[in-house]
Amino acid sequence: MSEPTQLTITEARQALTQKRISARELVDAYLAAIESARDLNAFVLETPERARAMAAEADARIARGEAKPLDGIPIAVKDMFCTEGVRTTACSHILENFVPTYESTVSAQLWRDGGVLLGKTNNDEFAMGSSNETSFFGPVLSPWRRKGSNTPLVPGGSSGGSAAAVAGRLALGAIGTDTGGSIRQPAAFAGIVGMKPTYGRCSRWGTIAFASSLDQAGPFARTVRDAAMLMRSMAGHDPKDSTSVDRPVPDYEAAVGRAVRGMKIGIPKEYRVEGMPAEIEALWEKGQEWLRAAGAELVEVSLPHTKYALPAYYIVAPAEASSNLARYDGVRYGLRVPGANITEMYAKTRAEGFGAEVRRRVMIGTYVLSSGYYDAYYLRAQQVRTLIKKDFEDCFAAGVDAMLTPATPTSAFGLGERGGSDPVEMYLNDVFTVTVNMAGLPGVSVPAGLDVQGLPLGLQLIGRPFDEETLFALGAVIEDAAGTFQPARWW
């Protein structure tokens, strides 16, 4: 049998049910891998005792012939998901010692189906970032390196720890949150699969909020099939979340390998942005060829309001963040910095507890919601959002089944290379992903090749609302044609 950490979820599930490996052996292999890879800083908290206890329970069920869908599968959890009795910080100083007394619905469903918690992964503070450099616990390093270079690279953000853990063989799968591309962009940078489901498909209950109308949980995995397996456990209606949609959860795994012949795939002309590297354009063309060879029809479509998506997103998201983060005031839980009066205590706590990027976005959000500016900025951004959504609806109404675009405008960049004096430079990393969140649609990033530096590049598929099945079917076509990718170990 292969080295345990080289197995996919599909292969590990088969090995476990055939008793060629035990859940305890599988978990121990991953715990050892995590211990040997702490230089990556992918985890902010490891849970070896809990992992071994959960593995023992999985082994007992398997021995009785009562195996669950994910029994014994080691999973990493982004530190935005509350985990009962396990420290959850959003990678912020203001929540440095917060231990929830409840479990997020998404993680609870993974444990219900037999998944094993390896630990909590690093992320940009309160999920605000595109490189995982804003975490209170320090940046995550990508397991990838450029050819002939030792320059440390970012794993993407905000779910960079989850992406690095899966790509670096420190977890079989992981979960993250996607507000403007925070699953798909790091998945593309790491050479793995990342799915952002339709808004409302996965419960947000127990997930620390960044922007409530945009946030959505989703899986990271090494293959499309593995992502589909995780997605089936994560999805479902939750009465505790008013935005959760009560729809049956399909068998996503069954969609992998489904024929795509006759599907109409849209190619949005607005995604051919100025300055896009030639190798991104070439990869996009290759993806179209792969889908055409599988029998799909490729058509050019127009999403005319795409050019307004990024500025509109960076009004809506900070506005909602400003409101959501108002609860962190030093009164009820988290960090408290004493002051001469309650107003001073509020100010000192928030100034010391929040990092620079979070403070920047809270200030932007407060400004656009303030009297005299609400109509000029926030209301107009919401109107643009409606137009972006209508662009997609018009294409789908015309018979388009899904759309194919690049996932990112570049491959992974070096630590500290972007956004230093100009945060907008960092925000531009989300140019291909934010439209999906603004419209509430599903999107998946699938690894499709390597650039001239030997770094992974991904293609993005965007689907109709609640039609993740089609994305898994199309993603499998790209995966079969492109193959899978793994970084050479340097850490």
Protein backbone atom coordinates (compact mmCIF):
# COMPACT_ATOMS: atom_id res chain seq x y z
CA MET A 1 0.00 0.00 0.00
CA SER A 2 1.14 3.58 -0.67
CA GLU A 3 2.50 5.78 2.08
CA PRO A 4 -0.66 6.65 4.10
CA THR A 5 -0.30 10.40 3.57
CA GLN A 6 -0.18 9.87 -0.22
CA LEU A 7 -3.63 8.29 -0.35
CA THR A 8 -6.65 10.19 -1.56
CA ILE A 9 -9.84 10.14 0.52
CA THR A 10 -11.29 7.64 -1.93
CA GLU A 11 -8.26 5.35 -1.58
CA ALA A 12 -8.08 5.75 2.19
CA ARG A 13 -11.77 4.92 2.60
CA GLN A 14 -11.25 1.73 0.59
CA ALA A 15 -8.12 0.79 2.57
CA LEU A 16 -9.96 1.36 5.86
CA THR A 17 -13.03 -0.68 4.94
CA GLN A 18 -10.81 -3.50 3.63
CA LYS A 19 -8.81 -3.26 6.89
CA ARG A 20 -5.50 -2.80 5.07
CA ILE A 21 -4.89 0.12 7.43
CA SER A 22 -6.55 1.23 10.64
CA ALA A 23 -7.92 4.68 11.33
CA ARG A 24 -5.42 5.00 14.17
CA GLU A 25 -2.51 4.23 11.83
CA LEU A 26 -3.79 6.70 9.27
CA VAL A 27 -4.23 9.44 11.87
CA ASP A 28 -0.82 8.78 13.42
CA ALA A 29 0.79 9.15 9.98
CA TYR A 30 -0.83 12.57 9.57
CA LEU A 31 0.03 13.70 13.09
CA ALA A 32 3.67 12.80 12.39
CA ALA A 33 3.51 14.72 9.09
CA ILE A 34 2.12 17.80 10.85
CA GLU A 35 4.84 17.62 13.50
CA SER A 36 7.56 17.47 10.83
CA ALA A 37 6.09 20.40 8.87
CA ARG A 38 5.64 23.07 11.51
CA ASP A 39 7.83 25.42 9.45
CA LEU A 40 4.82 25.82 7.14
CA ASN A 41 2.77 27.25 10.05
CA ALA A 42 -0.34 25.69 8.50
CA PHE A 43 -1.85 24.79 11.88
CA VAL A 44 -2.45 27.17 14.78
CA LEU A 45 -3.62 24.34 17.04
CA GLU A 46 -3.07 20.59 16.82
CA THR A 47 -5.49 18.16 18.49
CA PRO A 48 -3.65 14.80 18.62
CA GLU A 49 -5.52 13.39 21.62
CA ARG A 50 -8.92 14.16 20.16
CA ALA A 51 -7.82 12.82 16.77
CA ARG A 52 -6.70 9.49 18.25
CA ALA A 53 -9.93 9.17 20.27
CA MET A 54 -12.03 9.82 17.16
CA ALA A 55 -9.92 7.34 15.20
CA ALA A 56 -10.51 4.68 17.86
CA GLU A 57 -14.26 5.20 17.55
CA ALA A 58 -13.99 4.91 13.76
CA ASP A 59 -12.01 1.66 14.04
CA ALA A 60 -14.67 0.23 16.35
CA ARG A 61 -17.46 1.08 13.90
CA ILE A 62 -15.53 -0.38 10.97
CA ALA A 63 -14.89 -3.58 12.95
CA ARG A 64 -18.64 -3.90 13.58
CA GLY A 65 -19.41 -3.37 9.88
CA GLU A 66 -21.06 -0.03 10.63
CA ALA A 67 -18.65 2.29 8.79
CA LYS A 68 -19.82 5.84 8.14
CA PRO A 69 -19.09 7.76 4.91
CA LEU A 70 -15.96 9.50 6.27
CA ASP A 71 -14.97 7.08 9.04
CA GLY A 72 -11.34 7.57 10.00
CA ILE A 73 -10.64 10.34 7.45
CA PRO A 74 -8.29 12.99 8.97
CA ILE A 75 -9.61 16.52 8.34
CA ALA A 76 -8.20 19.98 9.07
CA VAL A 77 -10.56 22.81 10.07
CA LYS A 78 -10.03 26.50 9.35
CA ASP A 79 -9.91 28.51 12.54
CA MET A 80 -13.10 30.35 11.56
CA PHE A 81 -15.26 27.35 12.52
CA CYS A 82 -16.22 27.04 16.18
CA THR A 83 -15.21 23.68 17.61
CA GLU A 84 -16.63 22.69 20.97
CA GLY A 85 -13.96 22.66 23.67
CA VAL A 86 -11.22 23.49 21.14
CA ARG A 87 -9.75 26.99 20.95
CA THR A 88 -11.14 29.03 18.05
CA THR A 89 -9.61 32.43 17.37
CA ALA A 90 -10.29 33.58 13.77
CA CYS A 91 -6.49 34.02 13.98
CA SER A 92 -6.98 37.31 15.80
CA HIS A 93 -5.45 38.60 19.03
CA ILE A 94 -8.90 39.73 20.14
CA LEU A 95 -10.06 36.07 20.30
CA GLU A 96 -6.70 34.57 21.22
CA ASN A 97 -8.06 32.45 24.11
CA PHE A 98 -11.68 31.89 23.07
CA VAL A 99 -12.90 28.31 23.58
CA PRO A 100 -16.44 27.74 22.20
CA THR A 101 -19.00 25.70 24.09
CA TYR A 102 -20.67 24.67 20.82
CA GLU A 103 -19.78 23.14 17.45
CA SER A 104 -20.37 24.70 14.04
CA THR A 105 -22.98 22.84 12.02
CA VAL A 106 -20.58 22.13 9.15
CA SER A 107 -17.88 20.58 11.36
CA ALA A 108 -20.50 18.71 13.42
CA GLN A 109 -21.76 17.05 10.23
CA LEU A 110 -18.25 15.96 9.31
CA TRP A 111 -17.82 14.37 12.76
CA ARG A 112 -21.32 12.84 12.44
CA ASP A 113 -20.08 11.06 9.31
CA GLY A 114 -16.91 9.78 10.97
CA GLY A 115 -14.36 12.49 10.11
CA VAL A 116 -11.40 12.99 12.45
CA LEU A 117 -10.27 16.44 13.65
CA LEU A 118 -6.52 16.93 13.20
CA GLY A 119 -6.48 20.55 14.33
CA LYS A 120 -7.29 24.14 13.44
CA THR A 121 -5.62 25.74 10.44
CA ASN A 122 -4.17 29.20 10.06
CA ASN A 123 -6.02 31.90 8.12
CA ASP A 124 -5.93 35.62 7.48
CA GLU A 125 -7.30 37.46 10.52
CA PHE A 126 -11.10 37.22 10.46
CA ALA A 127 -10.67 35.81 6.92
CA MET A 128 -9.61 39.24 5.63
CA GLY A 129 -6.80 38.73 3.15
CA SER A 130 -5.64 37.02 -0.02
CA SER A 131 -2.25 35.70 1.08
CA ASN A 132 -2.54 34.45 4.70
CA GLU A 133 -0.11 37.15 5.82
CA THR A 134 -2.50 38.98 8.18
CA SER A 135 -2.86 36.19 10.78
CA PHE A 136 -2.01 37.03 14.40
CA PHE A 137 -0.11 33.73 14.45
CA GLY A 138 2.13 34.69 11.52
CA PRO A 139 2.00 33.85 7.82
CA VAL A 140 1.55 30.40 6.34
CA LEU A 141 4.21 29.26 3.89
CA SER A 142 3.21 27.46 0.71
CA PRO A 143 4.58 23.92 0.29
CA TRP A 144 5.47 24.97 -3.27
CA ARG A 145 8.68 26.67 -4.43
CA ARG A 146 9.63 28.26 -7.76
CA LYS A 147 12.08 26.29 -9.88
CA GLY A 148 15.62 26.94 -8.68
CA SER A 149 14.50 29.31 -5.92
CA ASN A 150 14.13 29.13 -2.15
CA THR A 151 11.95 32.25 -1.94
CA PRO A 152 9.05 31.50 0.43
CA LEU A 153 5.68 31.78 -1.30
CA VAL A 154 2.23 32.57 0.04
CA PRO A 155 -0.43 29.82 -0.04
CA GLY A 156 -3.19 32.28 -0.93
CA GLY A 157 -5.89 33.42 1.43
CA SER A 158 -7.76 33.64 3.51
CA SER A 159 -7.94 29.84 3.88
CA GLY A 160 -4.21 29.43 3.27
CA GLY A 161 -3.58 27.07 6.17
CA SER A 162 -6.22 24.61 4.95
CA ALA A 163 -4.86 24.73 1.39
CA ALA A 164 -1.25 24.27 2.54
CA ALA A 165 -2.24 21.36 4.79
CA VAL A 166 -3.94 19.45 1.97
CA ALA A 167 -1.28 20.24 -0.65
CA GLY A 168 1.55 19.45 1.78
CA ARG A 169 0.04 16.06 2.71
CA LEU A 170 -0.69 17.18 6.30
CA ALA A 171 -4.42 16.40 5.99
CA LEU A 172 -6.54 14.26 3.69
CA GLY A 173 -9.08 17.05 3.36
CA ALA A 174 -9.87 20.40 4.91
CA ILE A 175 -12.64 22.95 5.18
CA GLY A 176 -12.50 26.68 4.67
CA THR A 177 -14.69 29.72 4.12
CA ASP A 178 -15.06 31.69 0.90
CA THR A 179 -16.22 35.33 1.04
CA GLY A 180 -14.63 36.63 -2.17
CA GLY A 181 -12.48 33.70 -3.31
CA SER A 182 -10.90 32.50 -0.08
CA ILE A 183 -11.27 28.82 -1.00
CA ARG A 184 -10.79 28.94 -4.76
CA GLN A 185 -7.75 31.26 -4.84
CA PRO A 186 -5.63 29.30 -2.31
CA ALA A 187 -6.72 26.03 -3.94
CA ALA A 188 -5.41 27.34 -7.28
CA PHE A 189 -2.14 28.50 -5.67
CA ALA A 190 -1.70 25.12 -3.95
CA GLY A 191 -2.57 22.85 -6.88
CA ILE A 192 -5.63 21.28 -5.25
CA VAL A 193 -9.43 21.35 -5.64
CA GLY A 194 -11.46 24.00 -3.79
CA MET A 195 -15.26 24.27 -3.91
CA LYS A 196 -17.32 27.32 -2.96
CA PRO A 197 -20.95 26.09 -2.82
CA THR A 198 -24.08 28.08 -3.59
CA TYR A 199 -24.89 30.58 -0.84
CA GLY A 200 -27.23 28.78 1.57
CA ARG A 201 -26.10 25.26 0.64
CA CYS A 202 -23.90 24.90 3.76
CA SER A 203 -24.91 26.27 7.13
CA ARG A 204 -23.11 29.35 8.46
CA TRP A 205 -24.14 28.59 12.06
CA GLY A 206 -21.10 28.45 14.33
CA THR A 207 -18.85 30.03 11.69
CA ILE A 208 -17.27 33.30 12.76
CA ALA A 209 -18.75 35.94 10.46
CA PHE A 210 -16.83 38.22 8.14
CA ALA A 211 -19.51 39.33 5.63
CA SER A 212 -22.74 37.48 6.30
CA SER A 213 -24.31 37.80 2.84
CA LEU A 214 -21.14 36.51 1.15
CA ASP A 215 -19.56 33.91 3.49
CA GLN A 216 -19.92 30.25 2.55
CA ALA A 217 -18.16 27.12 3.81
CA GLY A 218 -16.60 24.64 1.40
CA PRO A 219 -14.10 21.78 1.07
CA PHE A 220 -10.46 21.45 0.00
CA ALA A 221 -9.25 18.14 -1.39
CA ARG A 222 -6.63 16.66 -3.71
CA THR A 223 -9.16 15.35 -6.23
CA VAL A 224 -12.60 16.33 -7.50
CA ARG A 225 -14.08 13.09 -6.17
CA ASP A 226 -12.64 13.72 -2.70
CA ALA A 227 -14.12 17.23 -2.69
CA ALA A 228 -17.51 15.79 -3.67
CA MET A 229 -17.36 13.34 -0.75
CA LEU A 230 -16.64 16.11 1.75
CA MET A 231 -19.28 18.36 0.22
CA ARG A 232 -22.00 15.77 0.69
CA SER A 233 -21.35 15.68 4.43
CA MET A 234 -21.06 19.46 4.77
CA ALA A 235 -24.22 20.42 2.88
CA GLY A 236 -27.79 20.42 4.15
CA HIS A 237 -30.51 22.52 5.69
CA ASP A 238 -29.95 23.90 9.17
CA PRO A 239 -32.89 25.45 11.05
CA LYS A 240 -30.38 27.40 13.19
CA ASP A 241 -29.30 29.40 10.10
CA SER A 242 -31.98 31.59 8.53
CA THR A 243 -30.02 31.74 5.25
CA SER A 244 -29.77 27.94 4.99
CA VAL A 245 -31.84 26.59 2.09
CA ASP A 246 -34.09 23.58 2.61
CA ARG A 247 -33.27 21.48 -0.46
CA PRO A 248 -32.30 17.80 -0.76
CA VAL A 249 -28.54 17.14 -0.82
CA PRO A 250 -27.59 15.20 -3.96
CA ASP A 251 -25.02 12.43 -4.12
CA TYR A 252 -22.23 14.66 -5.36
CA GLU A 253 -19.78 11.78 -5.69
CA ALA A 254 -22.11 10.12 -8.22
CA ALA A 255 -21.75 13.22 -10.45
CA VAL A 256 -18.00 12.63 -10.83
CA GLY A 257 -17.48 10.83 -14.14
CA ARG A 258 -20.91 11.80 -15.45
CA ALA A 259 -20.95 12.61 -19.18
CA VAL A 260 -20.79 16.29 -20.09
CA ARG A 261 -21.63 15.81 -23.78
CA GLY A 262 -24.13 18.41 -24.95
CA MET A 263 -23.51 20.84 -22.09
CA LYS A 264 -23.16 24.47 -23.08
CA ILE A 265 -20.17 26.16 -21.40
CA GLY A 266 -19.94 29.93 -21.38
CA ILE A 267 -16.65 31.79 -21.83
CA PRO A 268 -17.11 35.30 -20.39
CA LYS A 269 -15.32 37.80 -22.62
CA GLU A 270 -14.93 40.24 -19.70
CA TYR A 271 -12.53 37.83 -17.98
CA ARG A 272 -9.88 38.60 -20.61
CA VAL A 273 -8.48 41.36 -18.46
CA GLU A 274 -5.71 43.74 -19.48
CA GLY A 275 -2.27 42.52 -18.47
CA MET A 276 -3.30 38.90 -17.94
CA PRO A 277 -0.21 36.68 -18.38
CA ALA A 278 -0.06 34.77 -21.66
CA GLU A 279 0.27 31.45 -19.83
CA ILE A 280 -3.06 32.08 -18.01
CA GLU A 281 -4.70 32.79 -21.37
CA ALA A 282 -3.11 29.64 -22.86
CA LEU A 283 -4.29 27.49 -19.95
CA TRP A 284 -7.80 28.87 -20.34
CA GLU A 285 -7.75 27.92 -24.02
CA LYS A 286 -6.49 24.44 -23.13
CA GLY A 287 -9.35 24.02 -20.65
CA GLN A 288 -11.80 24.89 -23.39
CA GLU A 289 -10.21 22.27 -25.65
CA TRP A 290 -10.52 19.61 -22.94
CA LEU A 291 -14.22 20.33 -22.44
CA ARG A 292 -14.85 20.47 -26.19
CA ALA A 293 -13.14 17.10 -26.60
CA ALA A 294 -15.49 15.70 -23.95
CA GLY A 295 -18.47 16.79 -26.04
CA ALA A 296 -19.33 20.14 -24.46
CA GLU A 297 -20.26 23.15 -26.57
CA LEU A 298 -18.22 26.32 -25.91
CA VAL A 299 -19.92 29.70 -26.42
CA GLU A 300 -18.77 33.25 -25.73
CA VAL A 301 -20.98 35.06 -23.22
CA SER A 302 -21.03 38.55 -21.78
CA LEU A 303 -21.14 39.56 -18.12
CA PRO A 304 -21.06 43.33 -18.67
CA HIS A 305 -21.02 44.35 -15.01
CA THR A 306 -18.01 42.21 -14.13
CA LYS A 307 -15.74 45.28 -14.18
CA TYR A 308 -17.68 46.73 -11.26
CA ALA A 309 -17.59 43.56 -9.14
CA LEU A 310 -14.30 44.17 -7.33
CA PRO A 311 -15.02 47.76 -6.21
CA ALA A 312 -18.58 46.83 -5.25
CA TYR A 313 -17.31 43.84 -3.26
CA TYR A 314 -14.83 46.02 -1.37
CA ILE A 315 -17.73 48.22 -0.27
CA VAL A 316 -20.25 45.49 0.64
CA ALA A 317 -17.81 43.16 2.44
CA PRO A 318 -16.19 45.83 4.69
CA ALA A 319 -19.63 47.27 5.49
CA GLU A 320 -20.86 43.90 6.72
CA ALA A 321 -17.54 43.30 8.51
CA SER A 322 -17.88 46.61 10.32
CA SER A 323 -21.25 45.51 11.64
CA ASN A 324 -20.23 41.92 12.47
CA LEU A 325 -17.04 42.89 14.28
CA ALA A 326 -18.78 45.47 16.47
CA ARG A 327 -19.46 42.63 18.94
CA TYR A 328 -15.75 42.38 19.81
CA ASP A 329 -15.69 45.12 22.42
CA GLY A 330 -13.90 43.57 25.41
CA VAL A 331 -17.11 43.26 27.44
CA ARG A 332 -18.46 39.76 26.99
CA TYR A 333 -15.55 37.62 25.81
CA GLY A 334 -12.13 37.80 24.24
CA LEU A 335 -9.41 40.35 24.86
CA ARG A 336 -10.05 43.25 27.25
CA VAL A 337 -7.66 46.19 27.57
CA PRO A 338 -8.57 48.32 30.64
CA GLY A 339 -9.35 52.00 30.21
CA ALA A 340 -10.37 54.95 32.38
CA ASN A 341 -14.01 54.47 31.24
CA ILE A 342 -15.99 52.14 29.02
CA THR A 343 -15.42 54.23 25.89
CA GLU A 344 -11.66 54.16 26.40
CA MET A 345 -11.81 50.42 27.14
CA TYR A 346 -13.65 49.85 23.84
CA ALA A 347 -11.10 51.90 21.90
CA LYS A 348 -8.02 50.33 23.48
CA THR A 349 -9.36 46.79 23.18
CA ARG A 350 -10.21 47.12 19.49
CA ALA A 351 -7.02 49.00 18.65
CA GLU A 352 -4.84 46.36 20.28
CA GLY A 353 -7.00 43.34 19.41
CA PHE A 354 -7.41 43.91 15.67
CA GLY A 355 -4.57 43.85 13.14
CA ALA A 356 -3.96 46.51 10.50
CA GLU A 357 -5.99 44.90 7.69
CA VAL A 358 -9.01 44.30 9.92
CA ARG A 359 -8.88 47.88 11.22
CA ARG A 360 -8.65 49.14 7.63
CA ARG A 361 -11.73 47.22 6.53
CA VAL A 362 -13.74 48.15 9.62
CA MET A 363 -12.94 51.82 8.95
CA ILE A 364 -13.93 51.50 5.28
CA GLY A 365 -17.15 49.74 6.26
CA THR A 366 -18.04 52.29 8.91
CA TYR A 367 -17.40 55.11 6.43
CA VAL A 368 -19.60 53.70 3.63
CA LEU A 369 -22.44 53.08 6.10
CA SER A 370 -22.23 56.53 7.69
CA SER A 371 -24.79 59.28 7.24
CA GLY A 372 -24.29 61.08 3.95
CA TYR A 373 -22.31 58.24 2.35
CA TYR A 374 -24.70 55.27 2.62
CA ASP A 375 -26.56 56.16 -0.59
CA ALA A 376 -23.42 57.17 -2.47
CA TYR A 377 -21.48 53.98 -1.70
CA TYR A 378 -23.26 51.11 0.05
CA LEU A 379 -26.64 51.43 -1.66
CA ARG A 380 -25.02 51.84 -5.06
CA ALA A 381 -22.79 48.79 -4.48
CA GLN A 382 -25.87 46.71 -3.66
CA GLN A 383 -27.51 47.90 -6.86
CA VAL A 384 -24.41 46.85 -8.81
CA ARG A 385 -24.57 43.50 -7.04
CA THR A 386 -28.10 42.99 -8.36
CA LEU A 387 -26.91 43.74 -11.89
CA ILE A 388 -24.00 41.27 -11.55
CA LYS A 389 -26.46 38.57 -10.47
CA LYS A 390 -28.76 39.40 -13.39
CA ASP A 391 -25.86 39.04 -15.86
CA PHE A 392 -25.42 35.44 -14.76
CA GLU A 393 -29.17 34.78 -14.74
CA ASP A 394 -29.45 36.01 -18.33
CA CYS A 395 -26.68 33.64 -19.46
CA PHE A 396 -28.21 30.67 -17.68
CA ALA A 397 -31.65 31.53 -19.09
CA ALA A 398 -30.08 31.42 -22.57
CA GLY A 399 -29.11 27.78 -21.99
CA VAL A 400 -25.60 28.04 -20.55
CA ASP A 401 -24.98 25.20 -18.08
CA ALA A 402 -21.76 26.53 -16.54
CA MET A 403 -18.91 28.95 -17.21
CA LEU A 404 -15.17 28.42 -17.46
CA THR A 405 -12.71 31.13 -16.37
CA PRO A 406 -9.22 31.41 -14.91
CA ALA A 407 -9.17 31.03 -11.13
CA THR A 408 -6.46 33.62 -10.44
CA PRO A 409 -4.64 36.29 -12.46
CA THR A 410 -1.22 34.86 -11.49
CA SER A 411 0.39 31.93 -9.72
CA ALA A 412 1.52 32.19 -6.07
CA PHE A 413 3.69 35.19 -5.25
CA GLY A 414 6.43 35.64 -2.68
CA LEU A 415 5.93 36.46 0.97
CA GLY A 416 5.81 40.25 1.35
CA GLU A 417 5.88 40.90 -2.40
CA ARG A 418 2.43 42.51 -2.65
CA GLY A 419 0.16 44.93 -0.84
CA GLY A 420 2.81 46.59 1.31
CA SER A 421 2.04 50.27 0.68
CA ASP A 422 -0.91 49.65 -1.64
CA PRO A 423 -3.57 47.24 -0.33
CA VAL A 424 -5.46 47.49 -3.64
CA GLU A 425 -2.62 45.53 -5.24
CA MET A 426 -3.53 42.62 -2.95
CA TYR A 427 -7.27 43.06 -3.51
CA LEU A 428 -6.78 42.56 -7.28
CA ASN A 429 -6.02 38.87 -6.59
CA ASP A 430 -9.79 38.38 -6.23
CA VAL A 431 -10.68 39.78 -9.65
CA PHE A 432 -11.86 36.41 -11.06
CA THR A 433 -13.60 35.10 -7.93
CA VAL A 434 -15.65 37.89 -6.30
CA THR A 435 -18.43 37.83 -8.92
CA VAL A 436 -19.38 34.33 -7.77
CA ASN A 437 -19.89 35.48 -4.18
CA MET A 438 -21.72 38.65 -5.21
CA ALA A 439 -24.16 36.51 -7.22
CA GLY A 440 -24.38 33.71 -4.60
CA LEU A 441 -23.36 31.05 -7.14
CA PRO A 442 -21.28 27.86 -6.80
CA GLY A 443 -17.72 27.86 -8.08
CA VAL A 444 -14.88 25.36 -8.06
CA SER A 445 -11.16 25.73 -8.74
CA VAL A 446 -9.49 22.72 -10.33
CA PRO A 447 -5.70 22.43 -10.88
CA ALA A 448 -5.01 22.54 -14.60
CA GLY A 449 -1.27 22.96 -15.10
CA LEU A 450 2.03 24.49 -14.02
CA ASP A 451 3.48 27.84 -15.07
CA VAL A 452 7.02 28.42 -16.33
CA GLN A 453 8.20 28.69 -12.72
CA GLY A 454 6.79 25.24 -11.92
CA LEU A 455 3.91 26.64 -9.85
CA PRO A 456 0.30 25.42 -10.10
CA LEU A 457 -2.45 27.26 -11.96
CA GLY A 458 -6.16 26.59 -11.65
CA LEU A 459 -9.25 26.93 -13.79
CA GLN A 460 -12.57 28.02 -12.31
CA LEU A 461 -15.98 26.62 -13.16
CA ILE A 462 -19.07 28.67 -12.23
CA GLY A 463 -22.46 27.00 -12.07
CA ARG A 464 -26.16 27.61 -11.77
CA PRO A 465 -27.54 28.01 -8.24
CA PHE A 466 -27.51 24.68 -6.38
CA ASP A 467 -26.05 22.85 -9.37
CA GLU A 468 -22.75 21.81 -7.82
CA GLU A 469 -23.21 18.40 -9.47
CA THR A 470 -22.52 19.85 -12.91
CA LEU A 471 -19.36 21.52 -11.60
CA PHE A 472 -18.10 18.23 -10.17
CA ALA A 473 -18.78 16.50 -13.51
CA LEU A 474 -16.98 19.21 -15.50
CA GLY A 475 -14.19 19.46 -12.94
CA ALA A 476 -13.48 15.75 -13.32
CA VAL A 477 -13.01 16.26 -17.09
CA ILE A 478 -10.37 18.94 -16.46
CA GLU A 479 -8.71 16.81 -13.79
CA ASP A 480 -8.57 13.75 -16.05
CA ALA A 481 -6.96 15.80 -18.82
CA ALA A 482 -4.54 17.83 -16.68
CA GLY A 483 -3.60 15.27 -14.04
CA THR A 484 -2.82 16.03 -10.41
CA PHE A 485 0.08 17.99 -8.95
CA GLN A 486 2.22 17.68 -5.84
CA PRO A 487 4.99 19.94 -4.50
CA ALA A 488 8.50 18.59 -4.03
CA ARG A 489 9.20 18.38 -0.32
CA TRP A 490 11.60 21.08 0.95
CA TRP A 491 10.40 21.60 4.53
